[in-house]
Amino acid sequence: MPNKFSVLVILTCSHLNTVFAEPIQFIERPTIYISDTSILKVNQDAQTTLESFVRNWSQFELLIDKNLFPIKAPNCQKTIQIRFKGIEPIKNRISPAQQSRWELLERLRKSNIQDTSPVFLQIDTRQYMKKSADGKYTLDYCNVFVE
């Protein structure tokens, strides 16, 4: 059963890449679809072991060129920071959400060119974002939170 804190759903359907031509899109608001994970850079501060990752609230950032991000960010100069919200650590336990997030981090760190599985991230539209009357979102700054 899906967990509300899940940060990704990896689909193995090979036909998805032909459906979406852009490497990153804002679909079924508030979700972004990333078909080309090689355009993402993992922040250098990300933890290197699962234990330290969980102990540090399972947080990390992905960096992406502003021009590739599907949501306008007029106050941002170059790079959008996709920040994963913290998951409170529980002593001697790793939750499915923490494990899933760790697997995503490891996958993105490896940047395997053979890995064509897309990534879906759910955006928290309550922080750092505004929604206009026509339903379009705009980032206030260079940050966006995902769950």
N, C-alpha and C. Protein backbone atom coordinates (compact mmCIF):
# COMPACT_ATOMS: atom_id res chain seq x y z
N MET A 1 0.85 -1.18 0.00
CA MET A 1 0.00 0.00 0.00
C MET A 1 0.89 1.24 0.00
N PRO A 2 0.64 2.22 -0.86
CA PRO A 2 1.49 3.40 -0.93
C PRO A 2 1.49 4.17 0.38
N ASN A 3 2.64 4.69 0.72
CA ASN A 3 2.82 5.48 1.93
C ASN A 3 2.76 6.95 1.55
N LYS A 4 2.11 7.78 2.36
CA LYS A 4 1.96 9.20 2.00
C LYS A 4 3.29 9.93 1.95
N PHE A 5 4.31 9.34 2.54
CA PHE A 5 5.63 9.98 2.52
C PHE A 5 6.50 9.47 1.39
N SER A 6 5.98 8.61 0.56
CA SER A 6 6.77 8.09 -0.56
C SER A 6 7.22 9.24 -1.44
N VAL A 7 8.47 9.18 -1.85
CA VAL A 7 9.01 10.28 -2.66
C VAL A 7 9.13 9.93 -4.12
N LEU A 8 8.92 8.68 -4.45
CA LEU A 8 9.04 8.36 -5.85
C LEU A 8 8.23 7.14 -6.21
N VAL A 9 7.86 7.11 -7.42
CA VAL A 9 7.25 5.92 -7.99
C VAL A 9 8.02 5.66 -9.27
N ILE A 10 8.68 4.53 -9.32
CA ILE A 10 9.45 4.22 -10.52
C ILE A 10 8.59 3.31 -11.39
N LEU A 11 8.39 3.74 -12.59
CA LEU A 11 7.60 2.94 -13.51
C LEU A 11 8.53 2.27 -14.50
N THR A 12 8.24 1.04 -14.77
CA THR A 12 9.09 0.30 -15.69
C THR A 12 8.53 0.22 -17.09
N CYS A 13 7.45 0.91 -17.34
CA CYS A 13 6.84 0.90 -18.67
C CYS A 13 7.75 1.66 -19.64
N SER A 14 8.22 1.00 -20.64
CA SER A 14 9.16 1.63 -21.56
C SER A 14 8.50 2.65 -22.46
N HIS A 15 7.19 2.62 -22.61
CA HIS A 15 6.52 3.55 -23.51
C HIS A 15 6.40 4.96 -22.93
N LEU A 16 6.66 5.16 -21.66
CA LEU A 16 6.51 6.49 -21.07
C LEU A 16 7.46 7.51 -21.68
N ASN A 17 8.67 7.09 -22.01
CA ASN A 17 9.62 8.04 -22.57
C ASN A 17 9.14 8.63 -23.90
N THR A 18 8.35 7.90 -24.64
CA THR A 18 7.83 8.43 -25.89
C THR A 18 6.65 9.36 -25.66
N VAL A 19 5.96 9.20 -24.54
CA VAL A 19 4.81 10.05 -24.23
C VAL A 19 5.27 11.45 -23.84
N PHE A 20 6.33 11.53 -23.06
CA PHE A 20 6.82 12.81 -22.56
C PHE A 20 8.12 13.18 -23.26
N ALA A 21 8.11 14.23 -24.06
CA ALA A 21 9.31 14.63 -24.80
C ALA A 21 10.27 15.45 -23.94
N GLU A 22 9.75 16.23 -22.99
CA GLU A 22 10.59 17.06 -22.14
C GLU A 22 11.23 16.22 -21.04
N PRO A 23 12.48 16.55 -20.63
CA PRO A 23 13.13 15.75 -19.60
C PRO A 23 12.50 15.93 -18.21
N ILE A 24 11.82 17.05 -17.99
CA ILE A 24 11.15 17.29 -16.71
C ILE A 24 9.88 18.08 -16.99
N GLN A 25 8.77 17.63 -16.41
CA GLN A 25 7.48 18.27 -16.65
C GLN A 25 6.68 18.35 -15.36
N PHE A 26 5.81 19.32 -15.31
CA PHE A 26 4.87 19.49 -14.21
C PHE A 26 3.57 18.85 -14.68
N ILE A 27 3.23 17.69 -14.11
CA ILE A 27 2.04 16.96 -14.56
C ILE A 27 1.09 16.75 -13.40
N GLU A 28 -0.16 16.59 -13.70
CA GLU A 28 -1.16 16.30 -12.69
C GLU A 28 -0.84 16.99 -11.38
N ARG A 29 -0.83 18.27 -11.45
CA ARG A 29 -0.42 19.09 -10.32
C ARG A 29 -0.78 18.46 -8.99
N PRO A 30 0.09 18.45 -8.03
CA PRO A 30 1.43 19.05 -7.97
C PRO A 30 2.57 18.04 -8.13
N THR A 31 2.62 17.32 -9.20
CA THR A 31 3.66 16.31 -9.41
C THR A 31 4.56 16.73 -10.57
N ILE A 32 5.87 16.50 -10.40
CA ILE A 32 6.78 16.69 -11.52
C ILE A 32 7.28 15.32 -11.97
N TYR A 33 7.44 15.20 -13.26
CA TYR A 33 7.89 13.98 -13.91
C TYR A 33 9.28 14.25 -14.46
N ILE A 34 10.22 13.38 -14.14
CA ILE A 34 11.60 13.54 -14.63
C ILE A 34 11.95 12.29 -15.42
N SER A 35 12.08 12.47 -16.74
CA SER A 35 12.41 11.32 -17.59
C SER A 35 13.91 11.16 -17.76
N ASP A 36 14.66 12.23 -17.61
CA ASP A 36 16.11 12.18 -17.78
C ASP A 36 16.77 12.60 -16.48
N THR A 37 17.10 11.63 -15.63
CA THR A 37 17.67 11.95 -14.32
C THR A 37 19.11 12.45 -14.42
N SER A 38 19.73 12.35 -15.58
CA SER A 38 21.10 12.84 -15.72
C SER A 38 21.17 14.37 -15.63
N ILE A 39 20.04 15.06 -15.75
CA ILE A 39 20.04 16.52 -15.65
C ILE A 39 20.03 16.98 -14.20
N LEU A 40 19.88 16.04 -13.26
CA LEU A 40 19.86 16.37 -11.84
C LEU A 40 21.25 16.17 -11.24
N LYS A 41 21.60 17.03 -10.30
CA LYS A 41 22.85 16.87 -9.56
C LYS A 41 22.49 16.73 -8.09
N VAL A 42 23.09 15.75 -7.43
CA VAL A 42 22.86 15.55 -6.00
C VAL A 42 23.76 16.51 -5.24
N ASN A 43 23.18 17.19 -4.26
CA ASN A 43 23.96 18.10 -3.41
C ASN A 43 25.09 17.31 -2.74
N GLN A 44 26.26 17.90 -2.70
CA GLN A 44 27.44 17.24 -2.14
C GLN A 44 27.31 16.91 -0.66
N ASP A 45 26.40 17.58 0.05
CA ASP A 45 26.24 17.35 1.48
C ASP A 45 25.41 16.11 1.82
N ALA A 46 24.90 15.42 0.83
CA ALA A 46 24.08 14.23 1.07
C ALA A 46 24.89 13.17 1.81
N GLN A 47 24.26 12.49 2.73
CA GLN A 47 24.92 11.47 3.55
C GLN A 47 25.37 10.30 2.68
N THR A 48 26.40 9.58 3.15
CA THR A 48 26.97 8.51 2.34
C THR A 48 26.64 7.10 2.84
N THR A 49 26.02 6.98 4.01
CA THR A 49 25.59 5.67 4.49
C THR A 49 24.10 5.75 4.84
N LEU A 50 23.43 4.63 4.74
CA LEU A 50 22.00 4.60 5.06
C LEU A 50 21.76 5.02 6.51
N GLU A 51 22.59 4.57 7.41
CA GLU A 51 22.42 4.89 8.83
C GLU A 51 22.55 6.40 9.08
N SER A 52 23.57 7.03 8.51
CA SER A 52 23.73 8.48 8.71
C SER A 52 22.62 9.25 7.99
N PHE A 53 22.17 8.73 6.86
CA PHE A 53 21.09 9.35 6.12
C PHE A 53 19.81 9.38 6.97
N VAL A 54 19.46 8.25 7.56
CA VAL A 54 18.27 8.17 8.40
C VAL A 54 18.43 9.04 9.64
N ARG A 55 19.60 8.99 10.26
CA ARG A 55 19.88 9.78 11.47
C ARG A 55 19.73 11.28 11.19
N ASN A 56 20.02 11.70 9.96
CA ASN A 56 19.93 13.11 9.57
C ASN A 56 18.63 13.43 8.85
N TRP A 57 17.56 12.77 9.24
CA TRP A 57 16.20 13.05 8.80
C TRP A 57 15.95 12.74 7.33
N SER A 58 16.79 11.94 6.72
CA SER A 58 16.59 11.48 5.33
C SER A 58 16.40 12.63 4.34
N GLN A 59 17.12 13.69 4.58
CA GLN A 59 17.01 14.87 3.72
C GLN A 59 18.17 14.94 2.74
N PHE A 60 17.88 15.43 1.55
CA PHE A 60 18.92 15.79 0.59
C PHE A 60 18.33 16.72 -0.44
N GLU A 61 19.19 17.28 -1.26
CA GLU A 61 18.76 18.23 -2.28
C GLU A 61 19.22 17.77 -3.65
N LEU A 62 18.39 18.05 -4.63
CA LEU A 62 18.76 17.87 -6.02
C LEU A 62 18.85 19.26 -6.64
N LEU A 63 19.82 19.45 -7.48
CA LEU A 63 20.02 20.73 -8.13
C LEU A 63 19.74 20.57 -9.61
N ILE A 64 19.03 21.55 -10.17
CA ILE A 64 18.68 21.50 -11.59
C ILE A 64 18.72 22.91 -12.16
N ASP A 65 19.14 23.01 -13.39
CA ASP A 65 19.19 24.29 -14.08
C ASP A 65 17.79 24.91 -14.12
N LYS A 66 17.71 26.17 -13.78
CA LYS A 66 16.42 26.88 -13.75
C LYS A 66 15.67 26.77 -15.07
N ASN A 67 16.40 26.81 -16.17
CA ASN A 67 15.77 26.77 -17.49
C ASN A 67 15.14 25.42 -17.83
N LEU A 68 15.52 24.37 -17.11
CA LEU A 68 14.96 23.04 -17.35
C LEU A 68 13.78 22.75 -16.43
N PHE A 69 13.61 23.56 -15.40
CA PHE A 69 12.55 23.30 -14.42
C PHE A 69 11.21 23.81 -14.97
N PRO A 70 10.15 23.02 -14.82
CA PRO A 70 8.88 23.36 -15.47
C PRO A 70 8.04 24.45 -14.78
N ILE A 71 8.49 24.92 -13.63
CA ILE A 71 7.76 25.97 -12.92
C ILE A 71 8.60 27.25 -12.98
N LYS A 72 7.98 28.34 -13.34
CA LYS A 72 8.68 29.63 -13.44
C LYS A 72 9.22 30.03 -12.07
N ALA A 73 10.43 30.60 -12.08
CA ALA A 73 11.09 31.08 -10.86
C ALA A 73 11.78 32.41 -11.18
N PRO A 74 11.01 33.50 -11.28
CA PRO A 74 11.57 34.77 -11.73
C PRO A 74 12.64 35.36 -10.82
N ASN A 75 12.65 35.01 -9.54
CA ASN A 75 13.64 35.56 -8.60
C ASN A 75 14.88 34.68 -8.49
N CYS A 76 14.94 33.63 -9.24
CA CYS A 76 16.07 32.71 -9.19
C CYS A 76 16.99 32.97 -10.38
N GLN A 77 18.29 32.98 -10.14
CA GLN A 77 19.24 33.28 -11.20
C GLN A 77 19.63 32.06 -12.04
N LYS A 78 20.05 30.93 -11.37
CA LYS A 78 20.61 29.82 -12.13
C LYS A 78 20.05 28.44 -11.78
N THR A 79 20.03 28.09 -10.51
CA THR A 79 19.78 26.72 -10.11
C THR A 79 18.59 26.60 -9.17
N ILE A 80 17.71 25.64 -9.46
CA ILE A 80 16.59 25.32 -8.57
C ILE A 80 17.05 24.21 -7.63
N GLN A 81 16.74 24.35 -6.36
CA GLN A 81 17.06 23.34 -5.36
C GLN A 81 15.77 22.58 -5.01
N ILE A 82 15.75 21.32 -5.36
CA ILE A 82 14.62 20.45 -5.00
C ILE A 82 14.98 19.82 -3.66
N ARG A 83 14.27 20.21 -2.62
CA ARG A 83 14.59 19.76 -1.26
C ARG A 83 13.59 18.72 -0.77
N PHE A 84 14.12 17.62 -0.28
CA PHE A 84 13.26 16.59 0.30
C PHE A 84 12.99 16.91 1.76
N LYS A 85 11.72 16.90 2.13
CA LYS A 85 11.33 17.17 3.51
C LYS A 85 11.88 16.09 4.43
N GLY A 86 12.12 16.49 5.67
CA GLY A 86 12.67 15.55 6.64
C GLY A 86 11.68 14.48 7.06
N ILE A 87 12.22 13.32 7.37
CA ILE A 87 11.45 12.23 7.97
C ILE A 87 12.10 11.96 9.32
N GLU A 88 11.34 12.18 10.37
CA GLU A 88 11.90 12.02 11.72
C GLU A 88 12.43 10.61 11.93
N PRO A 89 13.70 10.52 12.38
CA PRO A 89 14.27 9.19 12.61
C PRO A 89 13.64 8.52 13.84
N ILE A 90 13.47 7.23 13.75
CA ILE A 90 12.99 6.43 14.87
C ILE A 90 14.11 5.46 15.23
N LYS A 91 14.47 5.43 16.49
CA LYS A 91 15.61 4.63 16.94
C LYS A 91 15.49 3.18 16.49
N ASN A 92 16.58 2.69 15.91
CA ASN A 92 16.71 1.29 15.49
C ASN A 92 15.66 0.85 14.46
N ARG A 93 15.20 1.79 13.63
CA ARG A 93 14.19 1.42 12.64
C ARG A 93 14.35 2.27 11.38
N ILE A 94 14.18 1.64 10.24
CA ILE A 94 14.19 2.35 8.96
C ILE A 94 12.82 2.14 8.33
N SER A 95 12.11 3.23 8.10
CA SER A 95 10.77 3.13 7.53
C SER A 95 10.85 2.86 6.03
N PRO A 96 9.75 2.38 5.44
CA PRO A 96 9.73 2.19 3.98
C PRO A 96 9.99 3.50 3.23
N ALA A 97 9.49 4.62 3.74
CA ALA A 97 9.72 5.91 3.09
C ALA A 97 11.20 6.29 3.12
N GLN A 98 11.87 6.04 4.24
CA GLN A 98 13.30 6.32 4.34
C GLN A 98 14.09 5.42 3.40
N GLN A 99 13.73 4.14 3.35
CA GLN A 99 14.41 3.21 2.46
C GLN A 99 14.21 3.60 1.00
N SER A 100 13.00 3.99 0.65
CA SER A 100 12.69 4.40 -0.72
C SER A 100 13.48 5.65 -1.10
N ARG A 101 13.55 6.59 -0.19
CA ARG A 101 14.29 7.83 -0.46
C ARG A 101 15.78 7.55 -0.60
N TRP A 102 16.31 6.66 0.24
CA TRP A 102 17.72 6.29 0.15
C TRP A 102 18.02 5.64 -1.20
N GLU A 103 17.13 4.77 -1.65
CA GLU A 103 17.33 4.11 -2.94
C GLU A 103 17.32 5.12 -4.09
N LEU A 104 16.45 6.12 -3.99
CA LEU A 104 16.44 7.17 -5.00
C LEU A 104 17.76 7.95 -4.98
N LEU A 105 18.21 8.31 -3.79
CA LEU A 105 19.48 9.04 -3.67
C LEU A 105 20.62 8.23 -4.29
N GLU A 106 20.70 6.97 -3.95
CA GLU A 106 21.77 6.12 -4.49
C GLU A 106 21.66 6.00 -6.01
N ARG A 107 20.47 5.85 -6.49
CA ARG A 107 20.26 5.76 -7.95
C ARG A 107 20.72 7.03 -8.65
N LEU A 108 20.37 8.18 -8.09
CA LEU A 108 20.75 9.45 -8.72
C LEU A 108 22.24 9.72 -8.59
N ARG A 109 22.84 9.28 -7.51
CA ARG A 109 24.29 9.44 -7.35
C ARG A 109 25.04 8.66 -8.42
N LYS A 110 24.56 7.47 -8.71
CA LYS A 110 25.23 6.63 -9.70
C LYS A 110 25.04 7.15 -11.11
N SER A 111 23.92 7.84 -11.34
CA SER A 111 23.63 8.44 -12.64
C SER A 111 23.88 7.45 -13.77
N ASN A 112 23.35 6.26 -13.63
CA ASN A 112 23.54 5.20 -14.61
C ASN A 112 22.81 5.54 -15.90
N ILE A 113 23.57 5.69 -16.96
CA ILE A 113 22.99 6.05 -18.25
C ILE A 113 22.06 4.96 -18.79
N GLN A 114 22.23 3.73 -18.33
CA GLN A 114 21.36 2.63 -18.74
C GLN A 114 19.99 2.68 -18.04
N ASP A 115 19.93 3.39 -16.93
CA ASP A 115 18.69 3.47 -16.15
C ASP A 115 17.78 4.52 -16.77
N THR A 116 16.73 4.07 -17.43
CA THR A 116 15.81 4.99 -18.09
C THR A 116 14.48 5.11 -17.35
N SER A 117 14.42 4.59 -16.13
CA SER A 117 13.19 4.67 -15.36
C SER A 117 12.94 6.12 -14.94
N PRO A 118 11.75 6.62 -15.22
CA PRO A 118 11.45 8.00 -14.82
C PRO A 118 11.23 8.11 -13.32
N VAL A 119 11.23 9.34 -12.84
CA VAL A 119 11.00 9.63 -11.43
C VAL A 119 9.83 10.60 -11.34
N PHE A 120 8.94 10.35 -10.41
CA PHE A 120 7.84 11.25 -10.12
C PHE A 120 8.04 11.79 -8.71
N LEU A 121 7.99 13.10 -8.55
CA LEU A 121 8.14 13.73 -7.23
C LEU A 121 6.93 14.60 -6.95
N GLN A 122 6.38 14.46 -5.76
CA GLN A 122 5.23 15.26 -5.39
C GLN A 122 5.70 16.54 -4.72
N ILE A 123 5.31 17.66 -5.30
CA ILE A 123 5.72 18.98 -4.81
C ILE A 123 4.79 19.44 -3.69
N ASP A 124 5.39 20.05 -2.68
CA ASP A 124 4.61 20.71 -1.63
C ASP A 124 4.36 22.14 -2.11
N THR A 125 3.16 22.41 -2.55
CA THR A 125 2.84 23.73 -3.11
C THR A 125 2.55 24.76 -2.03
N ARG A 126 2.59 24.37 -0.77
CA ARG A 126 2.29 25.31 0.32
C ARG A 126 3.49 26.16 0.71
N GLN A 127 4.69 25.76 0.29
CA GLN A 127 5.89 26.50 0.68
C GLN A 127 6.65 26.98 -0.55
N TYR A 128 7.08 28.21 -0.50
CA TYR A 128 7.91 28.81 -1.55
C TYR A 128 7.21 28.95 -2.89
N MET A 129 5.89 28.79 -2.93
CA MET A 129 5.17 28.85 -4.20
C MET A 129 3.92 29.70 -4.07
N LYS A 130 3.54 30.26 -5.22
CA LYS A 130 2.28 30.99 -5.32
C LYS A 130 1.50 30.40 -6.49
N LYS A 131 0.18 30.44 -6.36
CA LYS A 131 -0.69 29.96 -7.43
C LYS A 131 -1.51 31.14 -7.92
N SER A 132 -1.44 31.39 -9.21
CA SER A 132 -2.17 32.51 -9.79
C SER A 132 -3.63 32.13 -10.01
N ALA A 133 -4.43 33.10 -10.39
CA ALA A 133 -5.86 32.88 -10.63
C ALA A 133 -6.10 31.87 -11.76
N ASP A 134 -5.16 31.79 -12.70
CA ASP A 134 -5.33 30.85 -13.81
C ASP A 134 -4.82 29.44 -13.47
N GLY A 135 -4.41 29.23 -12.21
CA GLY A 135 -3.99 27.91 -11.75
C GLY A 135 -2.54 27.59 -11.94
N LYS A 136 -1.75 28.52 -12.47
CA LYS A 136 -0.32 28.27 -12.69
C LYS A 136 0.47 28.62 -11.43
N TYR A 137 1.50 27.80 -11.18
CA TYR A 137 2.37 28.02 -10.02
C TYR A 137 3.61 28.80 -10.41
N THR A 138 4.14 29.54 -9.44
CA THR A 138 5.40 30.26 -9.59
C THR A 138 6.20 30.07 -8.31
N LEU A 139 7.50 29.82 -8.44
CA LEU A 139 8.36 29.72 -7.26
C LEU A 139 8.74 31.12 -6.80
N ASP A 140 8.69 31.34 -5.48
CA ASP A 140 9.12 32.62 -4.93
C ASP A 140 10.63 32.80 -5.06
N TYR A 141 11.35 31.73 -4.83
CA TYR A 141 12.81 31.79 -4.85
C TYR A 141 13.34 30.59 -5.65
N CYS A 142 14.45 30.05 -5.22
CA CYS A 142 15.08 28.93 -5.93
C CYS A 142 14.82 27.59 -5.28
N ASN A 143 13.92 27.54 -4.31
CA ASN A 143 13.68 26.32 -3.55
C ASN A 143 12.30 25.75 -3.82
N VAL A 144 12.22 24.44 -3.83
CA VAL A 144 10.94 23.75 -3.89
C VAL A 144 11.05 22.50 -3.03
N PHE A 145 10.05 22.29 -2.20
CA PHE A 145 10.02 21.09 -1.35
C PHE A 145 9.26 19.97 -2.03
N VAL A 146 9.77 18.76 -1.87
CA VAL A 146 9.04 17.57 -2.32
C VAL A 146 8.88 16.64 -1.13
N GLU A 147 7.85 15.81 -1.21
CA GLU A 147 7.56 14.91 -0.09
C GLU A 147 8.12 13.55 -0.35
